[in-house]
PDB file of all heavy atoms in Angstrom:
ATOM      1  N   VAL A   1      16.557-123.926-103.271  1.00  0.00           N
ATOM      2  CA  VAL A   1      16.913-122.615-103.940  1.00  0.00           C
ATOM      3  C   VAL A   1      15.876-121.593-103.657  1.00  0.00           C
ATOM      4  O   VAL A   1      16.139-120.442-103.408  1.00  0.00           O
ATOM      5  CB  VAL A   1      17.132-122.865-105.435  1.00  0.00           C
ATOM      6  CG1 VAL A   1      17.070-121.522-106.169  1.00  0.00           C
ATOM      7  CG2 VAL A   1      18.455-123.568-105.771  1.00  0.00           C
ATOM      8  N   VAL A   2      14.591-122.052-103.594  1.00  0.00           N
ATOM      9  CA  VAL A   2      13.489-121.041-103.445  1.00  0.00           C
ATOM     10  C   VAL A   2      13.629-120.246-102.144  1.00  0.00           C
ATOM     11  O   VAL A   2      13.564-118.981-102.150  1.00  0.00           O
ATOM     12  CB  VAL A   2      12.142-121.739-103.621  1.00  0.00           C
ATOM     13  CG1 VAL A   2      11.019-120.783-103.315  1.00  0.00           C
ATOM     14  CG2 VAL A   2      11.947-122.370-104.970  1.00  0.00           C
ATOM     15  N   PRO A   3      13.813-120.875-100.974  1.00  0.00           N
ATOM     16  CA  PRO A   3      13.976-120.094 -99.763  1.00  0.00           C
ATOM     17  C   PRO A   3      15.229-119.219 -99.709  1.00  0.00           C
ATOM     18  O   PRO A   3      15.362-118.323 -98.896  1.00  0.00           O
ATOM     19  CB  PRO A   3      13.949-121.133 -98.586  1.00  0.00           C
ATOM     20  CG  PRO A   3      13.398-122.329 -99.206  1.00  0.00           C
ATOM     21  CD  PRO A   3      13.805-122.269-100.659  1.00  0.00           C
ATOM     22  N   GLU A   4      16.163-119.570-100.556  1.00  0.00           N
ATOM     23  CA  GLU A   4      17.408-118.716-100.612  1.00  0.00           C
ATOM     24  C   GLU A   4      17.145-117.353-101.063  1.00  0.00           C
ATOM     25  O   GLU A   4      17.795-116.379-100.644  1.00  0.00           O
ATOM     26  CB  GLU A   4      18.409-119.460-101.564  1.00  0.00           C
ATOM     27  CG  GLU A   4      19.759-118.816-101.647  1.00  0.00           C
ATOM     28  CD  GLU A   4      20.617-119.110-100.423  1.00  0.00           C
ATOM     29  OE1 GLU A   4      20.266-120.045 -99.693  1.00  0.00           O
ATOM     30  OE2 GLU A   4      21.571-118.315-100.185  1.00  0.00           O
ATOM     31  N   TYR A   5      16.142-117.177-101.935  1.00  0.00           N
ATOM     32  CA  TYR A   5      15.873-115.835-102.499  1.00  0.00           C
ATOM     33  C   TYR A   5      14.484-115.315-102.012  1.00  0.00           C
ATOM     34  O   TYR A   5      14.197-114.130-102.258  1.00  0.00           O
ATOM     35  CB  TYR A   5      15.887-115.869-103.993  1.00  0.00           C
ATOM     36  CG  TYR A   5      17.271-116.267-104.535  1.00  0.00           C
ATOM     37  CD1 TYR A   5      17.504-117.615-105.010  1.00  0.00           C
ATOM     38  CD2 TYR A   5      18.344-115.353-104.521  1.00  0.00           C
ATOM     39  CE1 TYR A   5      18.782-117.966-105.402  1.00  0.00           C
ATOM     40  CE2 TYR A   5      19.562-115.737-104.941  1.00  0.00           C
ATOM     41  CZ  TYR A   5      19.795-117.084-105.419  1.00  0.00           C
ATOM     42  OH  TYR A   5      21.016-117.403-105.848  1.00  0.00           O
ATOM     43  N   CYS A   6      13.642-116.100-101.429  1.00  0.00           N
ATOM     44  CA  CYS A   6      12.284-115.722-100.940  1.00  0.00           C
ATOM     45  C   CYS A   6      12.278-116.053 -99.469  1.00  0.00           C
ATOM     46  O   CYS A   6      12.145-117.250 -99.041  1.00  0.00           O
ATOM     47  CB  CYS A   6      11.253-116.392-101.722  1.00  0.00           C
ATOM     48  SG  CYS A   6      11.251-116.087-103.484  1.00  0.00           S
ATOM     49  N   LYS A   7      12.342-114.972 -98.598  1.00  0.00           N
ATOM     50  CA  LYS A   7      12.251-115.218 -97.203  1.00  0.00           C
ATOM     51  C   LYS A   7      10.879-115.712 -96.742  1.00  0.00           C
ATOM     52  O   LYS A   7      10.832-116.461 -95.780  1.00  0.00           O
ATOM     53  CB  LYS A   7      12.632-113.930 -96.434  1.00  0.00           C
ATOM     54  CG  LYS A   7      14.005-113.370 -96.855  1.00  0.00           C
ATOM     55  CD  LYS A   7      15.104-114.419 -96.643  1.00  0.00           C
ATOM     56  CE  LYS A   7      16.479-113.789 -97.024  1.00  0.00           C
ATOM     57  NZ  LYS A   7      17.508-114.873 -97.010  1.00  0.00           N
ATOM     58  N   ILE A   8       9.838-115.284 -97.408  1.00  0.00           N
ATOM     59  CA  ILE A   8       8.472-115.711 -97.159  1.00  0.00           C
ATOM     60  C   ILE A   8       7.959-116.418 -98.379  1.00  0.00           C
ATOM     61  O   ILE A   8       7.936-115.811 -99.404  1.00  0.00           O
ATOM     62  CB  ILE A   8       7.587-114.473 -96.771  1.00  0.00           C
ATOM     63  CG1 ILE A   8       8.188-113.721 -95.539  1.00  0.00           C
ATOM     64  CG2 ILE A   8       6.145-114.994 -96.391  1.00  0.00           C
ATOM     65  CD1 ILE A   8       7.484-112.470 -95.252  1.00  0.00           C
ATOM     66  N   LEU A   9       7.454-117.610 -98.201  1.00  0.00           N
ATOM     67  CA  LEU A   9       6.926-118.412 -99.307  1.00  0.00           C
ATOM     68  C   LEU A   9       5.557-118.032 -99.594  1.00  0.00           C
ATOM     69  O   LEU A   9       4.544-118.752 -99.314  1.00  0.00           O
ATOM     70  CB  LEU A   9       7.039-119.880 -99.046  1.00  0.00           C
ATOM     71  CG  LEU A   9       8.545-120.349 -98.795  1.00  0.00           C
ATOM     72  CD1 LEU A   9       8.565-121.870 -98.461  1.00  0.00           C
ATOM     73  CD2 LEU A   9       9.433-120.079-100.003  1.00  0.00           C
ATOM     74  N   GLU A  10       5.350-116.833-100.139  1.00  0.00           N
ATOM     75  CA  GLU A  10       4.021-116.330-100.525  1.00  0.00           C
ATOM     76  C   GLU A  10       4.127-115.850-102.000  1.00  0.00           C
ATOM     77  O   GLU A  10       5.182-115.632-102.521  1.00  0.00           O
ATOM     78  CB  GLU A  10       3.576-115.227 -99.589  1.00  0.00           C
ATOM     79  CG  GLU A  10       3.311-115.702 -98.172  1.00  0.00           C
ATOM     80  CD  GLU A  10       2.900-114.505 -97.327  1.00  0.00           C
ATOM     81  OE1 GLU A  10       2.892-113.307 -97.816  1.00  0.00           O
ATOM     82  OE2 GLU A  10       2.493-114.737 -96.133  1.00  0.00           O
ATOM     83  N   GLU A  11       2.902-115.642-102.508  1.00  0.00           N
ATOM     84  CA  GLU A  11       2.807-115.350-103.928  1.00  0.00           C
ATOM     85  C   GLU A  11       3.482-114.062-104.268  1.00  0.00           C
ATOM     86  O   GLU A  11       4.278-113.927-105.302  1.00  0.00           O
ATOM     87  CB  GLU A  11       1.345-115.272-104.377  1.00  0.00           C
ATOM     88  CG  GLU A  11       1.042-114.997-105.807  1.00  0.00           C
ATOM     89  CD  GLU A  11      -0.389-115.048-106.254  1.00  0.00           C
ATOM     90  OE1 GLU A  11      -1.157-115.666-105.414  1.00  0.00           O
ATOM     91  OE2 GLU A  11      -0.753-114.536-107.274  1.00  0.00           O
ATOM     92  N   THR A  12       3.277-112.969-103.471  1.00  0.00           N
ATOM     93  CA  THR A  12       3.909-111.671-103.752  1.00  0.00           C
ATOM     94  C   THR A  12       5.422-111.762-103.645  1.00  0.00           C
ATOM     95  O   THR A  12       6.123-111.163-104.560  1.00  0.00           O
ATOM     96  CB  THR A  12       3.402-110.646-102.754  1.00  0.00           C
ATOM     97  OG1 THR A  12       3.594-111.070-101.402  1.00  0.00           O
ATOM     98  CG2 THR A  12       1.919-110.427-102.925  1.00  0.00           C
ATOM     99  N   GLU A  13       5.950-112.549-102.754  1.00  0.00           N
ATOM    100  CA  GLU A  13       7.383-112.645-102.564  1.00  0.00           C
ATOM    101  C   GLU A  13       7.987-113.393-103.796  1.00  0.00           C
ATOM    102  O   GLU A  13       9.091-113.083-104.293  1.00  0.00           O
ATOM    103  CB  GLU A  13       7.744-113.395-101.312  1.00  0.00           C
ATOM    104  CG  GLU A  13       9.157-113.498-100.982  1.00  0.00           C
ATOM    105  CD  GLU A  13       9.770-112.195-100.411  1.00  0.00           C
ATOM    106  OE1 GLU A  13       8.951-111.241-100.113  1.00  0.00           O
ATOM    107  OE2 GLU A  13      10.951-112.120-100.192  1.00  0.00           O
ATOM    108  N   ILE A  14       7.330-114.475-104.236  1.00  0.00           N
ATOM    109  CA  ILE A  14       7.719-115.191-105.437  1.00  0.00           C
ATOM    110  C   ILE A  14       7.855-114.299-106.652  1.00  0.00           C
ATOM    111  O   ILE A  14       8.837-114.315-107.403  1.00  0.00           O
ATOM    112  CB  ILE A  14       6.885-116.442-105.621  1.00  0.00           C
ATOM    113  CG1 ILE A  14       6.863-117.429-104.456  1.00  0.00           C
ATOM    114  CG2 ILE A  14       7.217-117.150-106.942  1.00  0.00           C
ATOM    115  CD1 ILE A  14       8.226-118.138-104.279  1.00  0.00           C
ATOM    116  N   LEU A  15       6.758-113.544-106.850  1.00  0.00           N
ATOM    117  CA  LEU A  15       6.747-112.660-108.016  1.00  0.00           C
ATOM    118  C   LEU A  15       7.787-111.590-107.931  1.00  0.00           C
ATOM    119  O   LEU A  15       8.374-111.203-108.972  1.00  0.00           O
ATOM    120  CB  LEU A  15       5.345-112.078-108.176  1.00  0.00           C
ATOM    121  CG  LEU A  15       4.206-113.033-108.510  1.00  0.00           C
ATOM    122  CD1 LEU A  15       2.880-112.257-108.472  1.00  0.00           C
ATOM    123  CD2 LEU A  15       4.429-113.747-109.780  1.00  0.00           C
ATOM    124  N   GLU A  16       8.053-111.115-106.765  1.00  0.00           N
ATOM    125  CA  GLU A  16       9.035-110.016-106.602  1.00  0.00           C
ATOM    126  C   GLU A  16      10.474-110.484-106.919  1.00  0.00           C
ATOM    127  O   GLU A  16      11.273-109.793-107.389  1.00  0.00           O
ATOM    128  CB  GLU A  16       8.908-109.445-105.197  1.00  0.00           C
ATOM    129  CG  GLU A  16       9.886-108.266-104.964  1.00  0.00           C
ATOM    130  CD  GLU A  16       9.709-107.692-103.569  1.00  0.00           C
ATOM    131  OE1 GLU A  16       8.760-108.102-102.896  1.00  0.00           O
ATOM    132  OE2 GLU A  16      10.550-106.865-103.110  1.00  0.00           O
ATOM    133  N   ASN A  17      10.734-111.757-106.581  1.00  0.00           N
ATOM    134  CA  ASN A  17      12.088-112.272-106.866  1.00  0.00           C
ATOM    135  C   ASN A  17      12.087-113.332-107.982  1.00  0.00           C
ATOM    136  O   ASN A  17      12.885-114.265-108.004  1.00  0.00           O
ATOM    137  CB  ASN A  17      12.587-113.090-105.548  1.00  0.00           C
ATOM    138  CG  ASN A  17      12.741-112.106-104.407  1.00  0.00           C
ATOM    139  OD1 ASN A  17      13.663-111.393-104.266  1.00  0.00           O
ATOM    140  ND2 ASN A  17      11.709-112.003-103.535  1.00  0.00           N
ATOM    141  N   SER A  18      11.150-113.130-108.946  1.00  0.00           N
ATOM    142  CA  SER A  18      11.012-114.100-109.984  1.00  0.00           C
ATOM    143  C   SER A  18      12.287-114.226-110.856  1.00  0.00           C
ATOM    144  O   SER A  18      12.718-115.292-111.313  1.00  0.00           O
ATOM    145  CB  SER A  18       9.839-113.734-110.879  1.00  0.00           C
ATOM    146  OG  SER A  18       9.947-112.409-111.371  1.00  0.00           O
ATOM    147  N   PHE A  19      12.914-113.086-111.213  1.00  0.00           N
ATOM    148  CA  PHE A  19      14.049-113.112-112.045  1.00  0.00           C
ATOM    149  C   PHE A  19      15.284-113.882-111.359  1.00  0.00           C
ATOM    150  O   PHE A  19      15.932-114.631-112.022  1.00  0.00           O
ATOM    151  CB  PHE A  19      14.479-111.710-112.480  1.00  0.00           C
ATOM    152  CG  PHE A  19      13.625-111.080-113.522  1.00  0.00           C
ATOM    153  CD1 PHE A  19      12.645-110.170-113.161  1.00  0.00           C
ATOM    154  CD2 PHE A  19      13.729-111.509-114.833  1.00  0.00           C
ATOM    155  CE1 PHE A  19      11.832-109.616-114.143  1.00  0.00           C
ATOM    156  CE2 PHE A  19      12.862-110.929-115.832  1.00  0.00           C
ATOM    157  CZ  PHE A  19      11.947-110.014-115.455  1.00  0.00           C
ATOM    158  N   GLN A  20      15.466-113.630-110.146  1.00  0.00           N
ATOM    159  CA  GLN A  20      16.550-114.341-109.422  1.00  0.00           C
ATOM    160  C   GLN A  20      16.249-115.834-109.422  1.00  0.00           C
ATOM    161  O   GLN A  20      17.190-116.635-109.567  1.00  0.00           O
ATOM    162  CB  GLN A  20      16.694-113.794-107.969  1.00  0.00           C
ATOM    163  CG  GLN A  20      17.121-112.352-107.822  1.00  0.00           C
ATOM    164  CD  GLN A  20      18.647-112.268-107.983  1.00  0.00           C
ATOM    165  OE1 GLN A  20      19.241-113.143-108.446  1.00  0.00           O
ATOM    166  NE2 GLN A  20      19.191-111.104-107.590  1.00  0.00           N
ATOM    167  N   LEU A  21      14.989-116.195-109.175  1.00  0.00           N
ATOM    168  CA  LEU A  21      14.673-117.644-109.170  1.00  0.00           C
ATOM    169  C   LEU A  21      14.853-118.270-110.506  1.00  0.00           C
ATOM    170  O   LEU A  21      15.414-119.383-110.698  1.00  0.00           O
ATOM    171  CB  LEU A  21      13.253-117.804-108.713  1.00  0.00           C
ATOM    172  CG  LEU A  21      12.930-117.430-107.277  1.00  0.00           C
ATOM    173  CD1 LEU A  21      11.422-117.560-106.992  1.00  0.00           C
ATOM    174  CD2 LEU A  21      13.575-118.440-106.323  1.00  0.00           C
ATOM    175  N   LEU A  22      14.448-117.552-111.571  1.00  0.00           N
ATOM    176  CA  LEU A  22      14.695-118.069-112.978  1.00  0.00           C
ATOM    177  C   LEU A  22      16.163-118.244-113.332  1.00  0.00           C
ATOM    178  O   LEU A  22      16.558-119.245-113.950  1.00  0.00           O
ATOM    179  CB  LEU A  22      13.975-117.200-113.945  1.00  0.00           C
ATOM    180  CG  LEU A  22      12.438-117.228-113.966  1.00  0.00           C
ATOM    181  CD1 LEU A  22      11.897-116.147-114.907  1.00  0.00           C
ATOM    182  CD2 LEU A  22      11.909-118.559-114.248  1.00  0.00           C
ATOM    183  N   PHE A  23      16.991-117.261-112.825  1.00  0.00           N
ATOM    184  CA  PHE A  23      18.354-117.356-113.075  1.00  0.00           C
ATOM    185  C   PHE A  23      18.936-118.588-112.368  1.00  0.00           C
ATOM    186  O   PHE A  23      19.816-119.346-112.866  1.00  0.00           O
ATOM    187  CB  PHE A  23      19.148-116.130-112.638  1.00  0.00           C
ATOM    188  CG  PHE A  23      18.814-114.938-113.482  1.00  0.00           C
ATOM    189  CD1 PHE A  23      18.838-113.685-112.919  1.00  0.00           C
ATOM    190  CD2 PHE A  23      18.440-115.011-114.804  1.00  0.00           C
ATOM    191  CE1 PHE A  23      18.580-112.540-113.753  1.00  0.00           C
ATOM    192  CE2 PHE A  23      18.148-113.967-115.565  1.00  0.00           C
ATOM    193  CZ  PHE A  23      18.209-112.673-115.058  1.00  0.00           C
ATOM    194  N   ALA A  24      18.516-118.850-111.167  1.00  0.00           N
ATOM    195  CA  ALA A  24      18.969-119.996-110.326  1.00  0.00           C
ATOM    196  C   ALA A  24      18.484-121.273-110.995  1.00  0.00           C
ATOM    197  O   ALA A  24      19.287-122.304-111.066  1.00  0.00           O
ATOM    198  CB  ALA A  24      18.406-119.920-108.921  1.00  0.00           C
ATOM    199  N   PHE A  25      17.322-121.343-111.545  1.00  0.00           N
ATOM    200  CA  PHE A  25      16.811-122.516-112.199  1.00  0.00           C
ATOM    201  C   PHE A  25      17.720-122.821-113.407  1.00  0.00           C
ATOM    202  O   PHE A  25      17.968-124.059-113.682  1.00  0.00           O
ATOM    203  CB  PHE A  25      15.380-122.327-112.697  1.00  0.00           C
ATOM    204  CG  PHE A  25      14.275-122.280-111.546  1.00  0.00           C
ATOM    205  CD1 PHE A  25      12.997-122.100-111.800  1.00  0.00           C
ATOM    206  CD2 PHE A  25      14.742-122.443-110.229  1.00  0.00           C
ATOM    207  CE1 PHE A  25      12.043-122.084-110.837  1.00  0.00           C
ATOM    208  CE2 PHE A  25      13.769-122.463-109.268  1.00  0.00           C
ATOM    209  CZ  PHE A  25      12.413-122.224-109.511  1.00  0.00           C
ATOM    210  N   ASP A  26      18.115-121.826-114.142  1.00  0.00           N
ATOM    211  CA  ASP A  26      18.982-122.063-115.260  1.00  0.00           C
ATOM    212  C   ASP A  26      20.358-122.565-114.919  1.00  0.00           C
ATOM    213  O   ASP A  26      20.995-123.253-115.692  1.00  0.00           O
ATOM    214  CB  ASP A  26      19.126-120.734-116.099  1.00  0.00           C
ATOM    215  CG  ASP A  26      17.897-120.379-116.874  1.00  0.00           C
ATOM    216  OD1 ASP A  26      17.120-121.317-117.119  1.00  0.00           O
ATOM    217  OD2 ASP A  26      17.785-119.261-117.265  1.00  0.00           O
ATOM    218  N   GLU A  27      20.832-122.306-113.691  1.00  0.00           N
ATOM    219  CA  GLU A  27      22.069-122.839-113.223  1.00  0.00           C
ATOM    220  C   GLU A  27      21.939-124.276-112.881  1.00  0.00           C
ATOM    221  O   GLU A  27      22.942-125.064-112.935  1.00  0.00           O
ATOM    222  CB  GLU A  27      22.543-122.114-111.997  1.00  0.00           C
ATOM    223  CG  GLU A  27      22.905-120.602-112.211  1.00  0.00           C
ATOM    224  CD  GLU A  27      24.042-120.429-113.251  1.00  0.00           C
ATOM    225  OE1 GLU A  27      24.893-121.360-113.401  1.00  0.00           O
ATOM    226  OE2 GLU A  27      24.137-119.372-113.835  1.00  0.00           O
ATOM    227  N   ILE A  28      20.741-124.704-112.492  1.00  0.00           N
ATOM    228  CA  ILE A  28      20.561-126.160-112.126  1.00  0.00           C
ATOM    229  C   ILE A  28      20.313-127.078-113.320  1.00  0.00           C
ATOM    230  O   ILE A  28      20.899-128.141-113.433  1.00  0.00           O
ATOM    231  CB  ILE A  28      19.316-126.297-111.225  1.00  0.00           C
ATOM    232  CG1 ILE A  28      19.520-125.371-109.943  1.00  0.00           C
ATOM    233  CG2 ILE A  28      19.085-127.806-110.819  1.00  0.00           C
ATOM    234  CD1 ILE A  28      18.299-125.390-109.010  1.00  0.00           C
TER     235      ILE A  28
END
């Protein structure tokens, strides 16, 4: 799921897409 919303696996990219990742975590 993480590469699905973060094209680059870096800290800034994770923080920028944090809400999308949290929503995806809630679906799992």
